[in-house]
Amino acid sequence: MRFIAPLLLACLWVLPAAAQRLIISGQVVEATNGEPVPFASIFIPNTSTGATADADGKFKLAVTGTPDSIAASALGFVTQRRKLTSEPVQAVLFRLKAGAGVALTEVVVRPGENPAFRILREVQKHKPDNARSGLQAAEYDSYNRIETSLIDLPASMSKRKVIQDIRALAVRQGAAAASDADAPLPIFASEVGSRVYQKTTPLRRREDLLHKQMRGVGPREARCSRKCWAPTSRISTSTPTGRT
């Protein structure tokens, strides 16, 4: 009987540690350019606990227990593993490196013409009929986005206060990838959205500006007397899509 009390005390000490709950969040990006890796797999090694990142590479995972590491994997990238601490809330950034491509063991070539060639010939034949210049009138939305970032900064420059301030502000703006010292440093971004109306005969063209935004290092339209930073973390390019 004298061993029962110490045993109960030991069980009460172990149970809270076993039931510890960790909240792990973060983002999965490419190591070369900091672009998000969408729908990457996040998992605790040697367990069935895991989650899938969203389209922006961000994830959030609740784990019970005290795992020592967490891993991320995606098609075309090398699986990366990060260490965990005992903190109840942790943030993890995965920077995946490109891996070897998938090798095909066998390729079967069937005789005859590729069906895609016939489709391409039809597209070329009807190209004048489908050209926008051949329409009497057209209306379409145009969206353009440009972003400038610095990559491969020297270690001496990365340690400067102004660079660290820009990175810190980028993280507060939602660019989790910018927290890594080796990640690209966002400097400037602009986006312009407009609606275009065009008439062929006689030739007339009008463009209505829907929205315009410019963000980067420097004053923002006289709203502040000192330096204002509002960097973004993604680089995207859009081409106009038309409808008649």
Protein backbone atom coordinates (compact mmCIF):
# COMPACT_ATOMS: atom_id res chain seq x y z
CA MET A 1 0.00 0.00 0.00
CA ARG A 2 2.87 2.40 0.69
CA PHE A 3 3.78 2.39 -3.05
CA ILE A 4 0.27 3.39 -4.23
CA ALA A 5 0.48 7.06 -3.24
CA PRO A 6 3.81 7.74 -5.03
CA LEU A 7 2.48 5.87 -8.07
CA LEU A 8 -0.65 8.02 -8.20
CA LEU A 9 1.43 11.18 -7.88
CA ALA A 10 3.65 10.04 -10.76
CA CYS A 11 0.60 9.38 -12.95
CA LEU A 12 -0.84 12.81 -12.19
CA TRP A 13 2.50 14.35 -13.16
CA VAL A 14 2.77 12.46 -16.46
CA LEU A 15 -0.83 12.87 -17.68
CA PRO A 16 -0.72 16.67 -18.22
CA ALA A 17 2.48 16.35 -20.24
CA ALA A 18 0.96 13.59 -22.37
CA ALA A 19 -2.17 15.67 -22.99
CA GLN A 20 -0.25 18.81 -23.94
CA ARG A 21 -1.71 20.53 -27.00
CA LEU A 22 0.46 22.40 -29.50
CA ILE A 23 -0.82 24.85 -32.12
CA ILE A 24 1.59 25.00 -35.08
CA SER A 25 1.07 27.45 -37.91
CA GLY A 26 3.23 28.77 -40.73
CA GLN A 27 3.81 28.80 -44.46
CA VAL A 28 5.51 26.68 -47.13
CA VAL A 29 7.46 28.61 -49.80
CA GLU A 30 10.05 27.92 -52.48
CA ALA A 31 13.64 28.35 -51.39
CA THR A 32 14.71 30.09 -54.60
CA ASN A 33 12.16 32.89 -54.89
CA GLY A 34 9.93 32.82 -51.78
CA GLU A 35 6.81 31.97 -53.80
CA PRO A 36 4.16 29.99 -51.85
CA VAL A 37 3.90 26.24 -52.45
CA PRO A 38 0.14 25.59 -52.62
CA PHE A 39 -1.44 22.48 -51.10
CA ALA A 40 1.78 21.14 -49.60
CA SER A 41 1.51 18.27 -47.10
CA ILE A 42 2.35 19.08 -43.47
CA PHE A 43 2.80 16.13 -41.09
CA ILE A 44 4.37 14.90 -37.89
CA PRO A 45 6.95 12.22 -38.82
CA ASN A 46 6.12 8.63 -37.82
CA THR A 47 2.50 9.55 -36.98
CA SER A 48 -0.81 9.90 -38.80
CA THR A 49 -1.20 13.56 -37.78
CA GLY A 50 -1.04 16.03 -40.63
CA ALA A 51 -2.70 18.79 -42.63
CA THR A 52 -2.71 20.34 -46.10
CA ALA A 53 -1.60 23.90 -46.82
CA ASP A 54 -3.96 26.27 -48.62
CA ALA A 55 -3.45 27.96 -51.99
CA ASP A 56 -1.05 30.46 -50.38
CA GLY A 57 1.03 27.73 -48.73
CA LYS A 58 -0.25 28.62 -45.24
CA PHE A 59 -1.24 25.98 -42.70
CA LYS A 60 -2.38 25.50 -39.11
CA LEU A 61 -2.11 22.22 -37.24
CA ALA A 62 -3.16 21.21 -33.71
CA VAL A 63 -1.03 18.45 -32.20
CA THR A 64 -1.53 16.54 -28.97
CA GLY A 65 1.63 15.44 -27.18
CA THR A 66 5.22 16.63 -27.45
CA PRO A 67 6.52 15.90 -30.97
CA ASP A 68 10.14 16.86 -31.60
CA SER A 69 9.75 17.84 -35.27
CA ILE A 70 7.36 18.61 -38.13
CA ALA A 71 7.87 18.03 -41.86
CA ALA A 72 6.56 19.41 -45.16
CA SER A 73 6.52 17.80 -48.60
CA ALA A 74 5.23 18.65 -52.07
CA LEU A 75 5.49 17.18 -55.54
CA GLY A 76 8.74 18.26 -57.17
CA PHE A 77 10.37 19.39 -53.91
CA VAL A 78 12.65 17.80 -51.33
CA THR A 79 10.91 17.01 -48.04
CA GLN A 80 12.04 19.35 -45.27
CA ARG A 81 11.96 18.74 -41.52
CA ARG A 82 11.91 21.40 -38.78
CA LYS A 83 12.50 21.02 -35.03
CA LEU A 84 9.78 21.91 -32.53
CA THR A 85 10.00 23.27 -29.01
CA SER A 86 7.73 22.84 -26.02
CA GLU A 87 5.99 26.19 -26.59
CA PRO A 88 2.18 25.81 -26.87
CA VAL A 89 2.00 28.11 -29.94
CA GLN A 90 4.71 27.96 -32.59
CA ALA A 91 5.31 29.41 -36.07
CA VAL A 92 7.28 27.42 -38.65
CA LEU A 93 8.49 28.51 -42.09
CA PHE A 94 9.38 25.81 -44.63
CA ARG A 95 11.59 26.78 -47.57
CA LEU A 96 11.49 23.79 -49.91
CA LYS A 97 14.19 23.14 -52.46
CA ALA A 98 13.39 21.72 -55.88
CA GLY A 99 13.93 17.98 -56.16
CA ALA A 100 14.60 15.59 -58.98
CA GLY A 101 11.90 15.16 -61.58
CA VAL A 102 9.74 12.08 -61.92
CA ALA A 103 11.32 9.53 -64.25
CA LEU A 104 9.11 7.49 -66.55
CA THR A 105 9.94 3.80 -66.70
CA GLU A 106 8.20 3.19 -70.02
CA VAL A 107 6.87 5.32 -72.87
CA VAL A 108 4.56 3.86 -75.50
CA VAL A 109 4.44 5.68 -78.85
CA ARG A 110 1.42 4.77 -80.95
CA PRO A 111 1.49 5.28 -84.75
CA GLY A 112 -0.57 8.08 -86.24
CA GLU A 113 -0.89 11.81 -85.79
CA ASN A 114 -1.13 13.47 -82.42
CA PRO A 115 -4.77 14.68 -82.03
CA ALA A 116 -3.47 17.95 -80.62
CA PHE A 117 -1.92 18.83 -83.99
CA ARG A 118 -5.32 18.67 -85.70
CA ILE A 119 -6.80 20.99 -83.06
CA LEU A 120 -3.93 23.44 -83.46
CA ARG A 121 -4.41 23.53 -87.24
CA GLU A 122 -8.09 24.38 -86.78
CA VAL A 123 -7.21 27.13 -84.32
CA GLN A 124 -4.74 28.67 -86.76
CA LYS A 125 -7.22 28.43 -89.64
CA HIS A 126 -9.92 30.32 -87.72
CA LYS A 127 -7.55 32.78 -86.06
CA PRO A 128 -8.60 35.74 -88.30
CA ASP A 129 -12.28 35.06 -87.54
CA ASN A 130 -11.69 35.04 -83.77
CA ALA A 131 -9.26 37.99 -83.60
CA ARG A 132 -10.41 40.93 -81.51
CA SER A 133 -9.66 43.29 -84.40
CA GLY A 134 -12.29 41.50 -86.46
CA LEU A 135 -15.07 42.30 -83.98
CA GLN A 136 -17.20 45.41 -84.29
CA ALA A 137 -16.89 46.08 -80.57
CA ALA A 138 -15.32 44.47 -77.53
CA GLU A 139 -15.31 45.00 -73.76
CA TYR A 140 -12.86 43.40 -71.32
CA ASP A 141 -11.31 43.81 -67.89
CA SER A 142 -7.56 44.42 -67.59
CA TYR A 143 -5.46 43.75 -64.49
CA ASN A 144 -1.71 44.36 -64.22
CA ARG A 145 0.52 43.78 -61.22
CA ILE A 146 4.26 44.44 -60.90
CA GLU A 147 6.48 43.71 -57.92
CA THR A 148 10.19 44.26 -57.33
CA SER A 149 12.20 42.27 -54.80
CA LEU A 150 15.88 41.99 -53.85
CA ILE A 151 17.46 38.53 -53.71
CA ASP A 152 20.84 37.19 -52.59
CA LEU A 153 21.58 40.14 -50.32
CA PRO A 154 25.10 40.12 -48.80
CA ALA A 155 25.26 39.20 -45.12
CA SER A 156 26.60 42.66 -44.23
CA MET A 157 23.61 44.36 -45.86
CA SER A 158 21.06 41.93 -44.41
CA LYS A 159 22.12 42.91 -40.89
CA ARG A 160 21.46 46.62 -41.45
CA LYS A 161 18.62 48.10 -39.45
CA VAL A 162 16.76 49.47 -42.46
CA ILE A 163 16.69 45.99 -44.07
CA GLN A 164 15.51 44.38 -40.82
CA ASP A 165 12.79 47.03 -40.47
CA ILE A 166 11.52 46.30 -43.99
CA ARG A 167 11.43 42.57 -43.28
CA ALA A 168 9.62 43.10 -39.98
CA LEU A 169 6.98 45.27 -41.63
CA ALA A 170 6.55 42.76 -44.47
CA VAL A 171 5.85 40.04 -41.90
CA ARG A 172 3.27 42.25 -40.18
CA GLN A 173 1.63 42.80 -43.56
CA GLY A 174 1.18 39.02 -43.95
CA ALA A 175 4.34 38.04 -45.86
CA ALA A 176 5.48 35.24 -43.56
CA ALA A 177 8.20 34.19 -46.00
CA ALA A 178 9.99 37.52 -45.53
CA SER A 179 10.99 36.58 -41.98
CA ASP A 180 13.76 34.36 -43.33
CA ALA A 181 17.03 36.25 -43.79
CA ASP A 182 17.66 34.40 -47.08
CA ALA A 183 14.20 35.10 -48.51
CA PRO A 184 13.64 37.73 -51.23
CA LEU A 185 13.13 41.23 -49.81
CA PRO A 186 9.99 42.95 -51.23
CA ILE A 187 10.67 46.58 -52.18
CA PHE A 188 7.89 47.82 -54.47
CA ALA A 189 4.52 46.61 -55.74
CA SER A 190 1.83 48.19 -57.90
CA GLU A 191 -1.48 46.99 -59.29
CA VAL A 192 -3.88 48.59 -61.74
CA GLY A 193 -7.34 47.35 -62.67
CA SER A 194 -9.40 48.85 -65.46
CA ARG A 195 -12.25 48.18 -67.88
CA VAL A 196 -11.58 48.67 -71.58
CA TYR A 197 -14.18 49.49 -74.24
CA GLN A 198 -13.13 49.27 -77.87
CA LYS A 199 -14.93 49.90 -81.14
CA THR A 200 -13.42 48.94 -84.49
CA THR A 201 -15.24 51.11 -87.04
CA PRO A 202 -14.49 53.91 -86.46
CA LEU A 203 -11.61 53.04 -84.15
CA ARG A 204 -12.40 54.18 -80.64
CA ARG A 205 -10.95 53.02 -77.33
CA ARG A 206 -11.78 54.01 -73.77
CA GLU A 207 -10.28 52.72 -70.54
CA ASP A 208 -11.96 53.32 -67.18
CA LEU A 209 -9.70 52.98 -64.15
CA LEU A 210 -11.34 50.75 -61.51
CA HIS A 211 -8.60 50.69 -58.90
CA LYS A 212 -4.94 51.61 -58.53
CA GLN A 213 -2.56 50.87 -55.70
CA MET A 214 1.18 51.42 -55.26
CA ARG A 215 3.15 50.18 -52.26
CA GLY A 216 6.83 50.17 -51.49
CA VAL A 217 9.77 51.83 -49.80
CA GLY A 218 9.33 55.60 -49.66
CA PRO A 219 6.52 58.15 -49.14
CA ARG A 220 3.04 57.00 -50.09
CA GLU A 221 1.16 59.88 -51.77
CA ALA A 222 2.11 62.42 -49.03
CA ARG A 223 0.29 60.45 -46.34
CA CYS A 224 3.36 60.37 -44.12
CA SER A 225 6.30 62.69 -43.70
CA ARG A 226 8.83 59.91 -43.18
CA LYS A 227 9.49 56.57 -44.83
CA CYS A 228 6.48 54.30 -45.15
CA TRP A 229 6.83 50.66 -46.00
CA ALA A 230 4.06 48.39 -47.21
CA PRO A 231 5.75 45.56 -49.12
CA THR A 232 3.93 42.53 -50.43
CA SER A 233 5.19 38.95 -50.83
CA ARG A 234 4.01 37.59 -54.14
CA ILE A 235 4.82 38.27 -57.75
CA SER A 236 1.98 37.74 -60.21
CA THR A 237 1.30 38.76 -63.76
CA SER A 238 -2.16 38.91 -65.33
CA THR A 239 -3.15 39.34 -68.94
CA PRO A 240 -6.43 40.89 -70.10
CA THR A 241 -9.33 38.57 -70.72
CA GLY A 242 -11.96 39.62 -73.24
CA ARG A 243 -15.65 39.17 -73.71
CA THR A 244 -17.87 40.39 -76.51
